[in-house]
Amino acid sequence: MALSNLDKGTLNALRQHGDTLSKPREIAHWVNFSSHEGRARFIEQCTKAGFEVRGTNDDARDPMKFSLRIAHIDIPSESAVELFTSLLNEMAAGCGGEYDGWETQVQ
């Protein structure tokens, strides 16, 4: 899977703020699910893959109401971004969810 335009934009924004994308840091991710069970299956899979749960939210007004924020430590290089977004997209889809992107602090 190639980098999405959104991923390229995030990397470019980091570079524009002086980030060399060479230092490890926490990278946060958002994933949304239509069921609590799907979110629970995803949590089990992503924690085995080295991600940590940072928060959940349930919003009855949204059809994808079971959201999740996870994080991991990594260097936000193009190759790393391609790997973790591909993995999280695949795992989310397999659990009935949608990967909603990532962010990190400028370093």
PDB file of N, CA and C in Angstrom:
ATOM      1  N   MET A   1       0.851  -1.178   0.000  1.00  0.00           N
ATOM      2  CA  MET A   1       0.000   0.000   0.000  1.00  0.00           C
ATOM      3  C   MET A   1       0.898   1.242   0.000  1.00  0.00           C
ATOM      4  N   ALA A   2       0.634   2.147  -0.892  1.00  0.00           N
ATOM      5  CA  ALA A   2       1.402   3.395  -0.984  1.00  0.00           C
ATOM      6  C   ALA A   2       0.876   4.409   0.028  1.00  0.00           C
ATOM      7  N   LEU A   3       1.676   5.425   0.294  1.00  0.00           N
ATOM      8  CA  LEU A   3       1.246   6.488   1.189  1.00  0.00           C
ATOM      9  C   LEU A   3       0.022   7.203   0.614  1.00  0.00           C
ATOM     10  N   SER A   4      -0.948   7.477   1.461  1.00  0.00           N
ATOM     11  CA  SER A   4      -2.117   8.235   1.027  1.00  0.00           C
ATOM     12  C   SER A   4      -1.749   9.717   0.930  1.00  0.00           C
ATOM     13  N   ASN A   5      -2.567  10.480   0.254  1.00  0.00           N
ATOM     14  CA  ASN A   5      -2.350  11.930   0.177  1.00  0.00           C
ATOM     15  C   ASN A   5      -2.401  12.559   1.563  1.00  0.00           C
ATOM     16  N   LEU A   6      -3.263  12.038   2.430  1.00  0.00           N
ATOM     17  CA  LEU A   6      -3.347  12.556   3.798  1.00  0.00           C
ATOM     18  C   LEU A   6      -2.049  12.293   4.562  1.00  0.00           C
ATOM     19  N   ASP A   7      -1.507  11.089   4.409  1.00  0.00           N
ATOM     20  CA  ASP A   7      -0.227  10.769   5.062  1.00  0.00           C
ATOM     21  C   ASP A   7       0.893  11.652   4.525  1.00  0.00           C
ATOM     22  N   LYS A   8       0.939  11.829   3.212  1.00  0.00           N
ATOM     23  CA  LYS A   8       1.951  12.698   2.605  1.00  0.00           C
ATOM     24  C   LYS A   8       1.805  14.126   3.130  1.00  0.00           C
ATOM     25  N   GLY A   9       0.571  14.588   3.260  1.00  0.00           N
ATOM     26  CA  GLY A   9       0.332  15.936   3.776  1.00  0.00           C
ATOM     27  C   GLY A   9       0.794  16.098   5.208  1.00  0.00           C
ATOM     28  N   THR A  10       0.555  15.079   6.033  1.00  0.00           N
ATOM     29  CA  THR A  10       0.994  15.134   7.427  1.00  0.00           C
ATOM     30  C   THR A  10       2.520  15.157   7.500  1.00  0.00           C
ATOM     31  N   LEU A  11       3.167  14.314   6.724  1.00  0.00           N
ATOM     32  CA  LEU A  11       4.636  14.301   6.702  1.00  0.00           C
ATOM     33  C   LEU A  11       5.192  15.635   6.201  1.00  0.00           C
ATOM     34  N   ASN A  12       4.583  16.189   5.167  1.00  0.00           N
ATOM     35  CA  ASN A  12       5.031  17.489   4.652  1.00  0.00           C
ATOM     36  C   ASN A  12       4.840  18.595   5.680  1.00  0.00           C
ATOM     37  N   ALA A  13       3.736  18.565   6.418  1.00  0.00           N
ATOM     38  CA  ALA A  13       3.497  19.569   7.456  1.00  0.00           C
ATOM     39  C   ALA A  13       4.559  19.472   8.548  1.00  0.00           C
ATOM     40  N   LEU A  14       4.918  18.255   8.932  1.00  0.00           N
ATOM     41  CA  LEU A  14       5.977  18.081   9.927  1.00  0.00           C
ATOM     42  C   LEU A  14       7.293  18.659   9.406  1.00  0.00           C
ATOM     43  N   ARG A  15       7.624  18.356   8.154  1.00  0.00           N
ATOM     44  CA  ARG A  15       8.864  18.889   7.557  1.00  0.00           C
ATOM     45  C   ARG A  15       8.845  20.412   7.506  1.00  0.00           C
ATOM     46  N   GLN A  16       7.715  20.989   7.143  1.00  0.00           N
ATOM     47  CA  GLN A  16       7.604  22.450   7.041  1.00  0.00           C
ATOM     48  C   GLN A  16       7.817  23.137   8.383  1.00  0.00           C
ATOM     49  N   HIS A  17       7.588  22.402   9.468  1.00  0.00           N
ATOM     50  CA  HIS A  17       7.813  22.947  10.810  1.00  0.00           C
ATOM     51  C   HIS A  17       9.202  22.582  11.340  1.00  0.00           C
ATOM     52  N   GLY A  18      10.090  22.102  10.452  1.00  0.00           N
ATOM     53  CA  GLY A  18      11.463  21.844  10.837  1.00  0.00           C
ATOM     54  C   GLY A  18      11.775  20.437  11.315  1.00  0.00           C
ATOM     55  N   ASP A  19      10.807  19.540  11.265  1.00  0.00           N
ATOM     56  CA  ASP A  19      11.036  18.165  11.714  1.00  0.00           C
ATOM     57  C   ASP A  19      11.828  17.403  10.648  1.00  0.00           C
ATOM     58  N   THR A  20      12.865  16.715  11.064  1.00  0.00           N
ATOM     59  CA  THR A  20      13.661  15.912  10.132  1.00  0.00           C
ATOM     60  C   THR A  20      13.121  14.488   9.981  1.00  0.00           C
ATOM     61  N   LEU A  21      12.098  14.159  10.741  1.00  0.00           N
ATOM     62  CA  LEU A  21      11.467  12.831  10.712  1.00  0.00           C
ATOM     63  C   LEU A  21      12.467  11.725  11.017  1.00  0.00           C
ATOM     64  N   SER A  22      13.422  12.028  11.885  1.00  0.00           N
ATOM     65  CA  SER A  22      14.464  11.048  12.201  1.00  0.00           C
ATOM     66  C   SER A  22      14.482  10.628  13.666  1.00  0.00           C
ATOM     67  N   LYS A  23      13.655  11.257  14.496  1.00  0.00           N
ATOM     68  CA  LYS A  23      13.647  10.925  15.927  1.00  0.00           C
ATOM     69  C   LYS A  23      12.390  10.153  16.297  1.00  0.00           C
ATOM     70  N   PRO A  24      12.551   9.098  17.121  1.00  0.00           N
ATOM     71  CA  PRO A  24      11.367   8.373  17.582  1.00  0.00           C
ATOM     72  C   PRO A  24      10.521   9.256  18.488  1.00  0.00           C
ATOM     73  N   ARG A  25       9.222   9.041  18.407  1.00  0.00           N
ATOM     74  CA  ARG A  25       8.283   9.768  19.259  1.00  0.00           C
ATOM     75  C   ARG A  25       6.946   9.035  19.253  1.00  0.00           C
ATOM     76  N   GLU A  26       6.046   9.449  20.149  1.00  0.00           N
ATOM     77  CA  GLU A  26       4.726   8.830  20.185  1.00  0.00           C
ATOM     78  C   GLU A  26       3.930   9.266  18.969  1.00  0.00           C
ATOM     79  N   ILE A  27       3.304   8.294  18.327  1.00  0.00           N
ATOM     80  CA  ILE A  27       2.418   8.542  17.199  1.00  0.00           C
ATOM     81  C   ILE A  27       1.045   8.034  17.605  1.00  0.00           C
ATOM     82  N   ALA A  28       0.059   8.913  17.538  1.00  0.00           N
ATOM     83  CA  ALA A  28      -1.312   8.582  17.937  1.00  0.00           C
ATOM     84  C   ALA A  28      -2.145   8.252  16.708  1.00  0.00           C
ATOM     85  N   HIS A  29      -3.077   7.328  16.876  1.00  0.00           N
ATOM     86  CA  HIS A  29      -3.949   6.858  15.793  1.00  0.00           C
ATOM     87  C   HIS A  29      -5.390   6.828  16.284  1.00  0.00           C
ATOM     88  N   TRP A  30      -6.322   7.041  15.338  1.00  0.00           N
ATOM     89  CA  TRP A  30      -7.748   6.960  15.638  1.00  0.00           C
ATOM     90  C   TRP A  30      -8.376   5.902  14.758  1.00  0.00           C
ATOM     91  N   VAL A  31      -9.263   5.105  15.384  1.00  0.00           N
ATOM     92  CA  VAL A  31      -9.969   4.045  14.673  1.00  0.00           C
ATOM     93  C   VAL A  31     -11.410   4.055  15.177  1.00  0.00           C
ATOM     94  N   ASN A  32     -12.370   3.885  14.253  1.00  0.00           N
ATOM     95  CA  ASN A  32     -13.792   3.924  14.596  1.00  0.00           C
ATOM     96  C   ASN A  32     -14.462   2.604  14.236  1.00  0.00           C
ATOM     97  N   PHE A  33     -15.428   2.204  15.077  1.00  0.00           N
ATOM     98  CA  PHE A  33     -16.120   0.932  14.904  1.00  0.00           C
ATOM     99  C   PHE A  33     -17.621   1.113  15.060  1.00  0.00           C
ATOM    100  N   SER A  34     -18.373   0.215  14.413  1.00  0.00           N
ATOM    101  CA  SER A  34     -19.828   0.248  14.545  1.00  0.00           C
ATOM    102  C   SER A  34     -20.309  -0.582  15.730  1.00  0.00           C
ATOM    103  N   SER A  35     -19.405  -1.373  16.309  1.00  0.00           N
ATOM    104  CA  SER A  35     -19.808  -2.198  17.456  1.00  0.00           C
ATOM    105  C   SER A  35     -18.714  -2.233  18.519  1.00  0.00           C
ATOM    106  N   HIS A  36     -19.166  -2.435  19.727  1.00  0.00           N
ATOM    107  CA  HIS A  36     -18.242  -2.599  20.850  1.00  0.00           C
ATOM    108  C   HIS A  36     -17.394  -3.846  20.651  1.00  0.00           C
ATOM    109  N   GLU A  37     -18.011  -4.918  20.122  1.00  0.00           N
ATOM    110  CA  GLU A  37     -17.307  -6.184  19.923  1.00  0.00           C
ATOM    111  C   GLU A  37     -16.166  -6.039  18.906  1.00  0.00           C
ATOM    112  N   GLY A  38     -16.420  -5.312  17.823  1.00  0.00           N
ATOM    113  CA  GLY A  38     -15.373  -5.079  16.829  1.00  0.00           C
ATOM    114  C   GLY A  38     -14.209  -4.312  17.419  1.00  0.00           C
ATOM    115  N   ARG A  39     -14.548  -3.301  18.208  1.00  0.00           N
ATOM    116  CA  ARG A  39     -13.490  -2.523  18.861  1.00  0.00           C
ATOM    117  C   ARG A  39     -12.690  -3.397  19.816  1.00  0.00           C
ATOM    118  N   ALA A  40     -13.361  -4.246  20.553  1.00  0.00           N
ATOM    119  CA  ALA A  40     -12.674  -5.133  21.500  1.00  0.00           C
ATOM    120  C   ALA A  40     -11.730  -6.101  20.766  1.00  0.00           C
ATOM    121  N   ARG A  41     -12.166  -6.655  19.630  1.00  0.00           N
ATOM    122  CA  ARG A  41     -11.299  -7.551  18.843  1.00  0.00           C
ATOM    123  C   ARG A  41     -10.075  -6.786  18.331  1.00  0.00           C
ATOM    124  N   PHE A  42     -10.297  -5.558  17.867  1.00  0.00           N
ATOM    125  CA  PHE A  42      -9.197  -4.744  17.367  1.00  0.00           C
ATOM    126  C   PHE A  42      -8.207  -4.430  18.488  1.00  0.00           C
ATOM    127  N   ILE A  43      -8.713  -4.081  19.659  1.00  0.00           N
ATOM    128  CA  ILE A  43      -7.832  -3.785  20.796  1.00  0.00           C
ATOM    129  C   ILE A  43      -6.942  -4.984  21.094  1.00  0.00           C
ATOM    130  N   GLU A  44      -7.513  -6.167  21.079  1.00  0.00           N
ATOM    131  CA  GLU A  44      -6.721  -7.371  21.339  1.00  0.00           C
ATOM    132  C   GLU A  44      -5.610  -7.514  20.296  1.00  0.00           C
ATOM    133  N   GLN A  45      -5.944  -7.317  19.031  1.00  0.00           N
ATOM    134  CA  GLN A  45      -4.958  -7.450  17.954  1.00  0.00           C
ATOM    135  C   GLN A  45      -3.892  -6.358  18.014  1.00  0.00           C
ATOM    136  N   CYS A  46      -4.308  -5.125  18.212  1.00  0.00           N
ATOM    137  CA  CYS A  46      -3.330  -4.030  18.150  1.00  0.00           C
ATOM    138  C   CYS A  46      -2.406  -4.039  19.369  1.00  0.00           C
ATOM    139  N   THR A  47      -2.882  -4.461  20.524  1.00  0.00           N
ATOM    140  CA  THR A  47      -1.986  -4.526  21.677  1.00  0.00           C
ATOM    141  C   THR A  47      -0.949  -5.632  21.476  1.00  0.00           C
ATOM    142  N   LYS A  48      -1.336  -6.728  20.826  1.00  0.00           N
ATOM    143  CA  LYS A  48      -0.364  -7.782  20.504  1.00  0.00           C
ATOM    144  C   LYS A  48       0.679  -7.275  19.520  1.00  0.00           C
ATOM    145  N   ALA A  49       0.301  -6.302  18.682  1.00  0.00           N
ATOM    146  CA  ALA A  49       1.216  -5.736  17.685  1.00  0.00           C
ATOM    147  C   ALA A  49       2.059  -4.595  18.249  1.00  0.00           C
ATOM    148  N   GLY A  50       1.891  -4.280  19.545  1.00  0.00           N
ATOM    149  CA  GLY A  50       2.738  -3.272  20.182  1.00  0.00           C
ATOM    150  C   GLY A  50       2.130  -1.893  20.360  1.00  0.00           C
ATOM    151  N   PHE A  51       0.859  -1.735  20.053  1.00  0.00           N
ATOM    152  CA  PHE A  51       0.188  -0.447  20.249  1.00  0.00           C
ATOM    153  C   PHE A  51      -0.423  -0.403  21.642  1.00  0.00           C
ATOM    154  N   GLU A  52      -0.566   0.797  22.187  1.00  0.00           N
ATOM    155  CA  GLU A  52      -1.172   0.973  23.507  1.00  0.00           C
ATOM    156  C   GLU A  52      -2.459   1.772  23.371  1.00  0.00           C
ATOM    157  N   VAL A  53      -3.480   1.355  24.101  1.00  0.00           N
ATOM    158  CA  VAL A  53      -4.755   2.069  24.101  1.00  0.00           C
ATOM    159  C   VAL A  53      -4.594   3.348  24.912  1.00  0.00           C
ATOM    160  N   ARG A  54      -5.009   4.472  24.329  1.00  0.00           N
ATOM    161  CA  ARG A  54      -4.935   5.769  25.000  1.00  0.00           C
ATOM    162  C   ARG A  54      -6.307   6.319  25.355  1.00  0.00           C
ATOM    163  N   GLY A  55      -7.367   5.771  24.754  1.00  0.00           N
ATOM    164  CA  GLY A  55      -8.698   6.242  25.109  1.00  0.00           C
ATOM    165  C   GLY A  55      -9.765   5.649  24.205  1.00  0.00           C
ATOM    166  N   THR A  56     -10.985   5.629  24.716  1.00  0.00           N
ATOM    167  CA  THR A  56     -12.143   5.185  23.945  1.00  0.00           C
ATOM    168  C   THR A  56     -13.246   6.216  24.110  1.00  0.00           C
ATOM    169  N   ASN A  57     -14.185   6.183  23.166  1.00  0.00           N
ATOM    170  CA  ASN A  57     -15.335   7.083  23.250  1.00  0.00           C
ATOM    171  C   ASN A  57     -16.511   6.401  22.571  1.00  0.00           C
ATOM    172  N   ASP A  58     -17.675   6.523  23.162  1.00  0.00           N
ATOM    173  CA  ASP A  58     -18.899   5.980  22.589  1.00  0.00           C
ATOM    174  C   ASP A  58     -19.849   7.141  22.339  1.00  0.00           C
ATOM    175  N   ASP A  59     -20.256   7.338  21.081  1.00  0.00           N
ATOM    176  CA  ASP A  59     -21.119   8.453  20.698  1.00  0.00           C
ATOM    177  C   ASP A  59     -22.362   7.898  20.013  1.00  0.00           C
ATOM    178  N   ALA A  60     -23.478   7.883  20.710  1.00  0.00           N
ATOM    179  CA  ALA A  60     -24.709   7.291  20.196  1.00  0.00           C
ATOM    180  C   ALA A  60     -25.233   8.003  18.951  1.00  0.00           C
ATOM    181  N   ARG A  61     -24.757   9.211  18.660  1.00  0.00           N
ATOM    182  CA  ARG A  61     -25.235   9.955  17.485  1.00  0.00           C
ATOM    183  C   ARG A  61     -24.528   9.537  16.204  1.00  0.00           C
ATOM    184  N   ASP A  62     -23.471   8.758  16.307  1.00  0.00           N
ATOM    185  CA  ASP A  62     -22.642   8.410  15.155  1.00  0.00           C
ATOM    186  C   ASP A  62     -22.765   6.920  14.857  1.00  0.00           C
ATOM    187  N   PRO A  63     -22.992   6.522  13.578  1.00  0.00           N
ATOM    188  CA  PRO A  63     -23.083   5.088  13.270  1.00  0.00           C
ATOM    189  C   PRO A  63     -21.776   4.331  13.525  1.00  0.00           C
ATOM    190  N   MET A  64     -20.649   5.025  13.469  1.00  0.00           N
ATOM    191  CA  MET A  64     -19.359   4.409  13.806  1.00  0.00           C
ATOM    192  C   MET A  64     -18.982   4.913  15.201  1.00  0.00           C
ATOM    193  N   LYS A  65     -19.879   4.673  16.141  1.00  0.00           N
ATOM    194  CA  LYS A  65     -19.829   5.358  17.429  1.00  0.00           C
ATOM    195  C   LYS A  65     -18.783   4.863  18.419  1.00  0.00           C
ATOM    196  N   PHE A  66     -18.187   3.745  18.170  1.00  0.00           N
ATOM    197  CA  PHE A  66     -17.213   3.212  19.118  1.00  0.00           C
ATOM    198  C   PHE A  66     -15.807   3.571  18.643  1.00  0.00           C
ATOM    199  N   SER A  67     -15.291   4.681  19.123  1.00  0.00           N
ATOM    200  CA  SER A  67     -13.988   5.142  18.659  1.00  0.00           C
ATOM    201  C   SER A  67     -12.894   4.722  19.635  1.00  0.00           C
ATOM    202  N   LEU A  68     -11.681   4.785  19.128  1.00  0.00           N
ATOM    203  CA  LEU A  68     -10.532   4.317  19.880  1.00  0.00           C
ATOM    204  C   LEU A  68      -9.330   5.160  19.494  1.00  0.00           C
ATOM    205  N   ARG A  69      -8.535   5.531  20.485  1.00  0.00           N
ATOM    206  CA  ARG A  69      -7.251   6.192  20.231  1.00  0.00           C
ATOM    207  C   ARG A  69      -6.173   5.276  20.765  1.00  0.00           C
ATOM    208  N   ILE A  70      -5.220   4.950  19.881  1.00  0.00           N
ATOM    209  CA  ILE A  70      -4.087   4.108  20.265  1.00  0.00           C
ATOM    210  C   ILE A  70      -2.801   4.861  19.938  1.00  0.00           C
ATOM    211  N   ALA A  71      -1.691   4.377  20.451  1.00  0.00           N
ATOM    212  CA  ALA A  71      -0.409   5.032  20.184  1.00  0.00           C
ATOM    213  C   ALA A  71       0.712   4.011  20.198  1.00  0.00           C
ATOM    214  N   HIS A  72       1.806   4.401  19.566  1.00  0.00           N
ATOM    215  CA  HIS A  72       3.029   3.615  19.607  1.00  0.00           C
ATOM    216  C   HIS A  72       4.203   4.569  19.405  1.00  0.00           C
ATOM    217  N   ILE A  73       5.388   4.097  19.734  1.00  0.00           N
ATOM    218  CA  ILE A  73       6.609   4.885  19.542  1.00  0.00           C
ATOM    219  C   ILE A  73       7.252   4.429  18.234  1.00  0.00           C
ATOM    220  N   ASP A  74       7.577   5.390  17.386  1.00  0.00           N
ATOM    221  CA  ASP A  74       8.191   5.070  16.108  1.00  0.00           C
ATOM    222  C   ASP A  74       8.829   6.332  15.537  1.00  0.00           C
ATOM    223  N   ILE A  75       9.601   6.172  14.486  1.00  0.00           N
ATOM    224  CA  ILE A  75      10.128   7.290  13.708  1.00  0.00           C
ATOM    225  C   ILE A  75       9.156   7.483  12.545  1.00  0.00           C
ATOM    226  N   PRO A  76       8.607   8.676  12.334  1.00  0.00           N
ATOM    227  CA  PRO A  76       7.614   8.854  11.277  1.00  0.00           C
ATOM    228  C   PRO A  76       8.230   9.013   9.883  1.00  0.00           C
ATOM    229  N   SER A  77       9.040   8.044   9.507  1.00  0.00           N
ATOM    230  CA  SER A  77       9.616   8.032   8.162  1.00  0.00           C
ATOM    231  C   SER A  77       8.532   7.568   7.186  1.00  0.00           C
ATOM    232  N   GLU A  78       8.734   7.835   5.914  1.00  0.00           N
ATOM    233  CA  GLU A  78       7.745   7.403   4.927  1.00  0.00           C
ATOM    234  C   GLU A  78       7.536   5.892   4.973  1.00  0.00           C
ATOM    235  N   SER A  79       8.610   5.133   5.114  1.00  0.00           N
ATOM    236  CA  SER A  79       8.469   3.676   5.130  1.00  0.00           C
ATOM    237  C   SER A  79       7.720   3.200   6.374  1.00  0.00           C
ATOM    238  N   ALA A  80       7.993   3.799   7.524  1.00  0.00           N
ATOM    239  CA  ALA A  80       7.292   3.414   8.754  1.00  0.00           C
ATOM    240  C   ALA A  80       5.818   3.775   8.664  1.00  0.00           C
ATOM    241  N   VAL A  81       5.516   4.972   8.154  1.00  0.00           N
ATOM    242  CA  VAL A  81       4.120   5.398   8.017  1.00  0.00           C
ATOM    243  C   VAL A  81       3.373   4.439   7.091  1.00  0.00           C
ATOM    244  N   GLU A  82       3.996   4.076   5.999  1.00  0.00           N
ATOM    245  CA  GLU A  82       3.360   3.145   5.072  1.00  0.00           C
ATOM    246  C   GLU A  82       3.067   1.809   5.755  1.00  0.00           C
ATOM    247  N   LEU A  83       4.011   1.323   6.558  1.00  0.00           N
ATOM    248  CA  LEU A  83       3.810   0.047   7.258  1.00  0.00           C
ATOM    249  C   LEU A  83       2.705   0.127   8.303  1.00  0.00           C
ATOM    250  N   PHE A  84       2.759   1.160   9.189  1.00  0.00           N
ATOM    251  CA  PHE A  84       1.763   1.158  10.260  1.00  0.00           C
ATOM    252  C   PHE A  84       0.374   1.527   9.761  1.00  0.00           C
ATOM    253  N   THR A  85       0.250   2.375   8.754  1.00  0.00           N
ATOM    254  CA  THR A  85      -1.093   2.686   8.246  1.00  0.00           C
ATOM    255  C   THR A  85      -1.681   1.486   7.501  1.00  0.00           C
ATOM    256  N   SER A  86      -0.855   0.756   6.778  1.00  0.00           N
ATOM    257  CA  SER A  86      -1.323  -0.442   6.086  1.00  0.00           C
ATOM    258  C   SER A  86      -1.809  -1.488   7.089  1.00  0.00           C
ATOM    259  N   LEU A  87      -1.000  -1.729   8.126  1.00  0.00           N
ATOM    260  CA  LEU A  87      -1.364  -2.694   9.158  1.00  0.00           C
ATOM    261  C   LEU A  87      -2.656  -2.299   9.861  1.00  0.00           C
ATOM    262  N   LEU A  88      -2.756  -1.038  10.284  1.00  0.00           N
ATOM    263  CA  LEU A  88      -3.938  -0.610  11.031  1.00  0.00           C
ATOM    264  C   LEU A  88      -5.182  -0.570  10.156  1.00  0.00           C
ATOM    265  N   ASN A  89      -5.052  -0.182   8.889  1.00  0.00           N
ATOM    266  CA  ASN A  89      -6.195  -0.237   7.974  1.00  0.00           C
ATOM    267  C   ASN A  89      -6.706  -1.663   7.828  1.00  0.00           C
ATOM    268  N   GLU A  90      -5.791  -2.603   7.641  1.00  0.00           N
ATOM    269  CA  GLU A  90      -6.159  -4.011   7.463  1.00  0.00           C
ATOM    270  C   GLU A  90      -6.801  -4.582   8.725  1.00  0.00           C
ATOM    271  N   MET A  91      -6.195  -4.326   9.878  1.00  0.00           N
ATOM    272  CA  MET A  91      -6.752  -4.849  11.134  1.00  0.00           C
ATOM    273  C   MET A  91      -8.117  -4.232  11.422  1.00  0.00           C
ATOM    274  N   ALA A  92      -8.258  -2.933  11.190  1.00  0.00           N
ATOM    275  CA  ALA A  92      -9.539  -2.266  11.445  1.00  0.00           C
ATOM    276  C   ALA A  92     -10.634  -2.838  10.552  1.00  0.00           C
ATOM    277  N   ALA A  93     -10.349  -2.972   9.261  1.00  0.00           N
ATOM    278  CA  ALA A  93     -11.344  -3.513   8.332  1.00  0.00           C
ATOM    279  C   ALA A  93     -11.761  -4.921   8.735  1.00  0.00           C
ATOM    280  N   GLY A  94     -10.808  -5.723   9.195  1.00  0.00           N
ATOM    281  CA  GLY A  94     -11.102  -7.084   9.625  1.00  0.00           C
ATOM    282  C   GLY A  94     -11.977  -7.163  10.858  1.00  0.00           C
ATOM    283  N   CYS A  95     -12.063  -6.064  11.587  1.00  0.00           N
ATOM    284  CA  CYS A  95     -12.887  -6.015  12.799  1.00  0.00           C
ATOM    285  C   CYS A  95     -14.128  -5.137  12.608  1.00  0.00           C
ATOM    286  N   GLY A  96     -14.414  -4.791  11.358  1.00  0.00           N
ATOM    287  CA  GLY A  96     -15.594  -3.967  11.085  1.00  0.00           C
ATOM    288  C   GLY A  96     -15.383  -2.495  11.377  1.00  0.00           C
ATOM    289  N   GLY A  97     -14.136  -2.042  11.358  1.00  0.00           N
ATOM    290  CA  GLY A  97     -13.843  -0.655  11.681  1.00  0.00           C
ATOM    291  C   GLY A  97     -13.214   0.096  10.536  1.00  0.00           C
ATOM    292  N   GLU A  98     -12.921   1.357  10.803  1.00  0.00           N
ATOM    293  CA  GLU A  98     -12.281   2.234   9.838  1.00  0.00           C
ATOM    294  C   GLU A  98     -11.136   2.974  10.517  1.00  0.00           C
ATOM    295  N   TYR A  99      -9.952   2.857   9.941  1.00  0.00           N
ATOM    296  CA  TYR A  99      -8.794   3.611  10.426  1.00  0.00           C
ATOM    297  C   TYR A  99      -8.990   5.062  10.013  1.00  0.00           C
ATOM    298  N   ASP A 100      -8.763   5.988  10.952  1.00  0.00           N
ATOM    299  CA  ASP A 100      -9.091   7.392  10.711  1.00  0.00           C
ATOM    300  C   ASP A 100      -7.864   8.309  10.727  1.00  0.00           C
ATOM    301  N   GLY A 101      -6.655   7.749  10.756  1.00  0.00           N
ATOM    302  CA  GLY A 101      -5.472   8.588  10.628  1.00  0.00           C
ATOM    303  C   GLY A 101      -4.615   8.662  11.868  1.00  0.00           C
ATOM    304  N   TRP A 102      -3.547   9.465  11.730  1.00  0.00           N
ATOM    305  CA  TRP A 102      -2.520   9.562  12.776  1.00  0.00           C
ATOM    306  C   TRP A 102      -2.031  10.988  12.886  1.00  0.00           C
ATOM    307  N   GLU A 103      -1.347  11.243  14.007  1.00  0.00           N
ATOM    308  CA  GLU A 103      -0.678  12.535  14.210  1.00  0.00           C
ATOM    309  C   GLU A 103       0.452  12.337  15.203  1.00  0.00           C
ATOM    310  N   THR A 104       1.354  13.311  15.210  1.00  0.00           N
ATOM    311  CA  THR A 104       2.458  13.280  16.157  1.00  0.00           C
ATOM    312  C   THR A 104       2.955  14.704  16.367  1.00  0.00           C
ATOM    313  N   GLN A 105       3.790  14.884  17.360  1.00  0.00           N
ATOM    314  CA  GLN A 105       4.369  16.183  17.658  1.00  0.00           C
ATOM    315  C   GLN A 105       5.577  16.443  16.774  1.00  0.00           C
ATOM    316  N   VAL A 106       5.780  17.699  16.437  1.00  0.00           N
ATOM    317  CA  VAL A 106       6.986  18.114  15.706  1.00  0.00           C
ATOM    318  C   VAL A 106       8.173  17.964  16.638  1.00  0.00           C
ATOM    319  N   GLN A 107       9.278  17.426  16.126  1.00  0.00           N
ATOM    320  CA  GLN A 107      10.493  17.288  16.929  1.00  0.00           C
ATOM    321  C   GLN A 107      11.641  17.948  16.218  1.00  0.00           C
TER     322      GLN A 107
END
